[in-house]
């Protein structure tokens, strides 16, 4: 009889407390000191570098103060209404905004400047390289721009070990070495791999080993 695996989650909430800053200490310090009114902040970096984690961390910080934030991204269809009661406006995935979303994002910048609401945005490219309308590109690059650097190997190991420990999983050094050599060090995808390993181990009632990982990948067709 197979056990029903419980879902593993990357984090109950993405906060500054569970973000490993690595080379991003300056960006983290700036966000922690952010207050309204403030010039816009734009974070850019590769997928999995931690940009969205920092956006969520800022929203959590806002909520902890009893305030609210507005969140928009390329996954959110327009219209994007502006609410002057919000303490923060977040715009994620700026590199993927379509024409209508770019128009809405620029309108949010105009309204935020009028009402003194800070804007925090993120994308995979620096503002100068974004394929967006010029007035929006100018607004995104007008304030503080930070390149978010991916974690080094030691930091990725620490994050994976922490996530495994929180969910009662044991990752041997052999398994960790195999994962880090054969997979990109993108935390988003590594956490997804860890979740699949957890489910597979629960279903097969086996400990996580390299042979078990290979079997799981073979069955997935990876």
Protein backbone atom coordinates (compact mmCIF):
# COMPACT_ATOMS: atom_id res chain seq x y z
CA UNK A 1 0.00 0.00 0.00
CA UNK A 2 1.44 3.36 -1.04
CA UNK A 3 1.57 6.32 1.29
CA UNK A 4 -0.02 9.55 0.19
CA UNK A 5 2.80 12.14 0.08
CA UNK A 6 2.31 15.39 1.88
CA UNK A 7 3.19 18.47 -0.17
CA UNK A 8 6.56 20.03 0.46
CA UNK A 9 6.71 23.79 0.12
CA UNK A 10 9.70 26.00 -0.56
CA UNK A 11 8.69 28.43 2.16
CA UNK A 12 5.57 29.12 4.17
CA UNK A 13 6.23 32.77 3.41
CA UNK A 14 9.10 34.36 1.52
CA UNK A 15 10.57 36.87 3.93
CA UNK A 16 13.83 38.67 4.56
CA UNK A 17 14.51 36.24 7.41
CA UNK A 18 14.66 33.22 5.10
CA UNK A 19 16.43 34.97 2.21
CA UNK A 20 20.13 34.20 1.86
CA UNK A 21 21.58 37.52 0.66
CA UNK A 22 24.95 36.26 -0.60
CA UNK A 23 26.26 39.04 -2.83
CA UNK A 24 22.96 40.94 -2.53
CA UNK A 25 23.44 42.44 0.92
CA UNK A 26 23.37 46.01 -0.45
CA UNK A 27 20.04 45.46 -2.22
CA UNK A 28 18.54 43.85 0.90
CA UNK A 29 19.74 46.70 3.12
CA UNK A 30 18.24 49.25 0.75
CA UNK A 31 14.87 47.49 0.71
CA UNK A 32 14.82 47.21 4.50
CA UNK A 33 15.36 50.98 4.74
CA UNK A 34 12.73 51.81 2.10
CA UNK A 35 9.97 54.13 3.21
CA UNK A 36 7.40 56.34 1.52
CA UNK A 37 7.77 58.57 -0.32
CA UNK A 38 10.69 56.93 -2.12
CA UNK A 39 12.15 56.76 -5.61
CA UNK A 40 11.41 53.54 -7.51
CA UNK A 41 13.52 50.42 -7.02
CA UNK A 42 14.17 47.94 -9.82
CA UNK A 43 15.70 44.49 -9.33
CA UNK A 44 17.02 42.50 -12.25
CA UNK A 45 18.66 39.12 -12.65
CA UNK A 46 18.31 35.64 -14.06
CA UNK A 47 15.39 33.37 -13.24
CA UNK A 48 15.86 31.83 -9.81
CA UNK A 49 18.23 34.52 -8.54
CA UNK A 50 15.82 35.63 -5.83
CA UNK A 51 14.11 38.70 -7.30
CA UNK A 52 10.57 37.51 -6.66
CA UNK A 53 11.52 36.32 -3.18
CA UNK A 54 12.60 39.88 -2.37
CA UNK A 55 9.36 41.28 -3.79
CA UNK A 56 7.36 38.92 -1.58
CA UNK A 57 9.58 39.78 1.39
CA UNK A 58 8.76 43.47 0.96
CA UNK A 59 5.04 42.71 0.77
CA UNK A 60 5.29 40.59 3.93
CA UNK A 61 7.08 43.48 5.64
CA UNK A 62 4.32 45.86 4.58
CA UNK A 63 1.64 43.47 5.87
CA UNK A 64 3.47 43.12 9.21
CA UNK A 65 3.00 46.87 9.65
CA UNK A 66 -0.74 46.52 9.10
CA UNK A 67 -0.59 47.99 5.59
CA UNK A 68 -1.37 46.64 2.14
CA UNK A 69 0.46 46.40 -1.18
CA UNK A 70 -0.72 46.06 -4.78
CA UNK A 71 0.91 43.28 -6.84
CA UNK A 72 0.99 43.22 -10.65
CA UNK A 73 2.90 41.01 -13.08
CA UNK A 74 2.91 39.78 -16.65
CA UNK A 75 0.53 37.04 -15.50
CA UNK A 76 -2.09 39.60 -14.44
CA UNK A 77 -4.44 40.90 -17.13
CA UNK A 78 -5.26 44.58 -17.30
CA UNK A 79 -6.83 46.77 -16.03
CA UNK A 80 -4.39 47.45 -13.23
CA UNK A 81 -6.21 49.82 -10.87
CA UNK A 82 -4.28 52.24 -8.72
CA UNK A 83 -5.25 52.38 -5.03
CA UNK A 84 -3.78 55.34 -3.19
CA UNK A 85 -4.39 53.58 0.14
CA UNK A 86 -1.69 51.02 -0.69
CA UNK A 87 1.72 51.43 0.89
CA UNK A 88 3.62 49.78 -1.98
CA UNK A 89 3.15 48.94 -5.67
CA UNK A 90 4.94 45.83 -6.96
CA UNK A 91 5.43 45.03 -10.64
CA UNK A 92 7.08 41.66 -11.40
CA UNK A 93 8.32 40.14 -14.68
CA UNK A 94 8.73 43.51 -16.39
CA UNK A 95 10.61 41.80 -19.24
CA UNK A 96 7.40 39.95 -20.20
CA UNK A 97 4.84 42.78 -20.13
CA UNK A 98 2.70 43.09 -23.24
CA UNK A 99 1.71 46.43 -24.78
CA UNK A 100 -1.41 46.88 -22.65
CA UNK A 101 0.43 45.94 -19.47
CA UNK A 102 3.24 48.36 -20.30
CA UNK A 103 0.67 51.13 -20.66
CA UNK A 104 -0.87 50.14 -17.31
CA UNK A 105 2.55 49.98 -15.63
CA UNK A 106 3.45 53.47 -16.82
CA UNK A 107 0.10 54.78 -15.54
CA UNK A 108 0.88 53.23 -12.14
CA UNK A 109 4.22 55.04 -12.08
CA UNK A 110 2.49 58.36 -12.80
CA UNK A 111 -0.13 57.82 -10.08
CA UNK A 112 2.44 56.58 -7.55
CA UNK A 113 4.56 59.68 -8.04
CA UNK A 114 1.49 61.88 -7.53
CA UNK A 115 0.45 60.13 -4.31
CA UNK A 116 3.90 59.30 -2.90
CA UNK A 117 3.52 55.52 -3.08
CA UNK A 118 6.82 53.68 -3.65
CA UNK A 119 7.17 51.29 -6.60
CA UNK A 120 9.23 48.11 -6.48
CA UNK A 121 9.69 46.31 -9.81
CA UNK A 122 11.69 43.37 -11.14
CA UNK A 123 12.64 41.71 -14.40
CA UNK A 124 15.27 39.50 -15.96
CA UNK A 125 17.03 42.35 -17.79
CA UNK A 126 18.36 45.76 -16.75
CA UNK A 127 16.12 48.67 -17.75
CA UNK A 128 18.28 49.66 -20.71
CA UNK A 129 17.82 46.22 -22.28
CA UNK A 130 14.10 45.80 -21.65
CA UNK A 131 11.92 45.56 -24.75
CA UNK A 132 9.31 47.97 -23.39
CA UNK A 133 8.07 51.42 -24.35
CA UNK A 134 10.62 54.14 -23.79
CA UNK A 135 8.70 56.10 -21.15
CA UNK A 136 8.30 52.97 -19.02
CA UNK A 137 11.94 52.00 -19.48
CA UNK A 138 12.93 55.46 -18.31
CA UNK A 139 10.75 55.18 -15.20
CA UNK A 140 12.12 51.72 -14.35
CA UNK A 141 15.68 52.99 -14.59
CA UNK A 142 15.09 56.33 -12.92
CA UNK A 143 15.48 55.19 -9.32
CA UNK A 144 17.72 52.63 -7.65
CA UNK A 145 18.63 49.63 -9.81
CA UNK A 146 20.15 46.48 -8.32
CA UNK A 147 21.47 43.42 -10.13
CA UNK A 148 20.42 40.41 -8.04
CA UNK A 149 23.21 37.84 -8.08
CA UNK A 150 22.49 34.09 -7.87
CA UNK A 151 23.79 32.22 -4.84
CA UNK A 152 27.16 30.51 -4.86
CA UNK A 153 27.49 26.75 -4.41
CA UNK A 154 27.95 26.88 -0.63
CA UNK A 155 24.86 29.07 -0.26
CA UNK A 156 22.76 26.84 -2.53
CA UNK A 157 23.82 23.83 -0.46
CA UNK A 158 22.82 25.64 2.73
CA UNK A 159 19.42 26.61 1.31
CA UNK A 160 18.64 23.11 0.06
CA UNK A 161 19.79 21.58 3.34
CA UNK A 162 17.61 23.99 5.30
CA UNK A 163 14.54 23.27 3.13
CA UNK A 164 15.12 19.51 3.45
CA UNK A 165 15.56 19.71 7.22
CA UNK A 166 12.38 21.76 7.59
CA UNK A 167 10.47 18.98 5.86
CA UNK A 168 12.14 16.07 7.65
CA UNK A 169 14.20 14.93 4.65
CA UNK A 170 17.79 13.72 4.71
CA UNK A 171 19.97 14.72 1.78
CA UNK A 172 23.33 12.95 1.84
CA UNK A 173 26.45 14.67 0.52
CA UNK A 174 26.38 12.19 -2.37
CA UNK A 175 22.87 13.25 -3.38
CA UNK A 176 23.72 16.92 -2.95
CA UNK A 177 26.86 16.57 -5.10
CA UNK A 178 24.91 14.76 -7.82
CA UNK A 179 22.22 17.44 -7.90
CA UNK A 180 24.62 20.39 -7.98
CA UNK A 181 26.80 18.88 -10.71
CA UNK A 182 23.96 17.85 -13.03
CA UNK A 183 21.37 20.59 -12.55
CA UNK A 184 21.45 24.36 -12.90
CA UNK A 185 21.86 26.16 -9.59
CA UNK A 186 18.52 27.87 -9.94
CA UNK A 187 16.77 27.75 -6.56
CA UNK A 188 13.32 27.80 -8.09
CA UNK A 189 13.99 24.63 -10.07
CA UNK A 190 16.07 22.98 -7.35
CA UNK A 191 13.23 23.44 -4.88
CA UNK A 192 10.90 21.89 -7.42
CA UNK A 193 13.27 18.93 -7.73
CA UNK A 194 13.33 18.60 -3.94
CA UNK A 195 9.53 18.58 -3.86
CA UNK A 196 9.41 15.82 -6.48
CA UNK A 197 12.02 13.83 -4.57
CA UNK A 198 9.94 14.13 -1.41
CA UNK A 199 6.82 12.86 -3.16
CA UNK A 200 8.69 10.02 -4.86
CA UNK A 201 10.37 8.95 -1.62
CA UNK A 202 7.04 8.94 0.21
CA UNK A 203 5.30 7.03 -2.56
CA UNK A 204 8.01 4.37 -2.84
CA UNK A 205 8.76 4.41 0.92
CA UNK A 206 12.49 4.70 0.27
CA UNK A 207 15.25 6.96 1.46
CA UNK A 208 16.54 9.58 -0.94
CA UNK A 209 19.62 8.20 -2.68
CA UNK A 210 21.33 8.79 -6.02
CA UNK A 211 19.89 5.55 -7.50
CA UNK A 212 16.41 6.60 -6.36
CA UNK A 213 16.90 10.05 -7.91
CA UNK A 214 18.00 8.45 -11.18
CA UNK A 215 14.94 6.19 -11.13
CA UNK A 216 12.64 9.14 -10.56
CA UNK A 217 14.19 11.08 -13.43
CA UNK A 218 13.98 8.03 -15.70
CA UNK A 219 10.29 7.60 -14.91
CA UNK A 220 9.73 11.30 -15.57
CA UNK A 221 11.54 10.98 -18.88
CA UNK A 222 14.10 13.58 -17.78
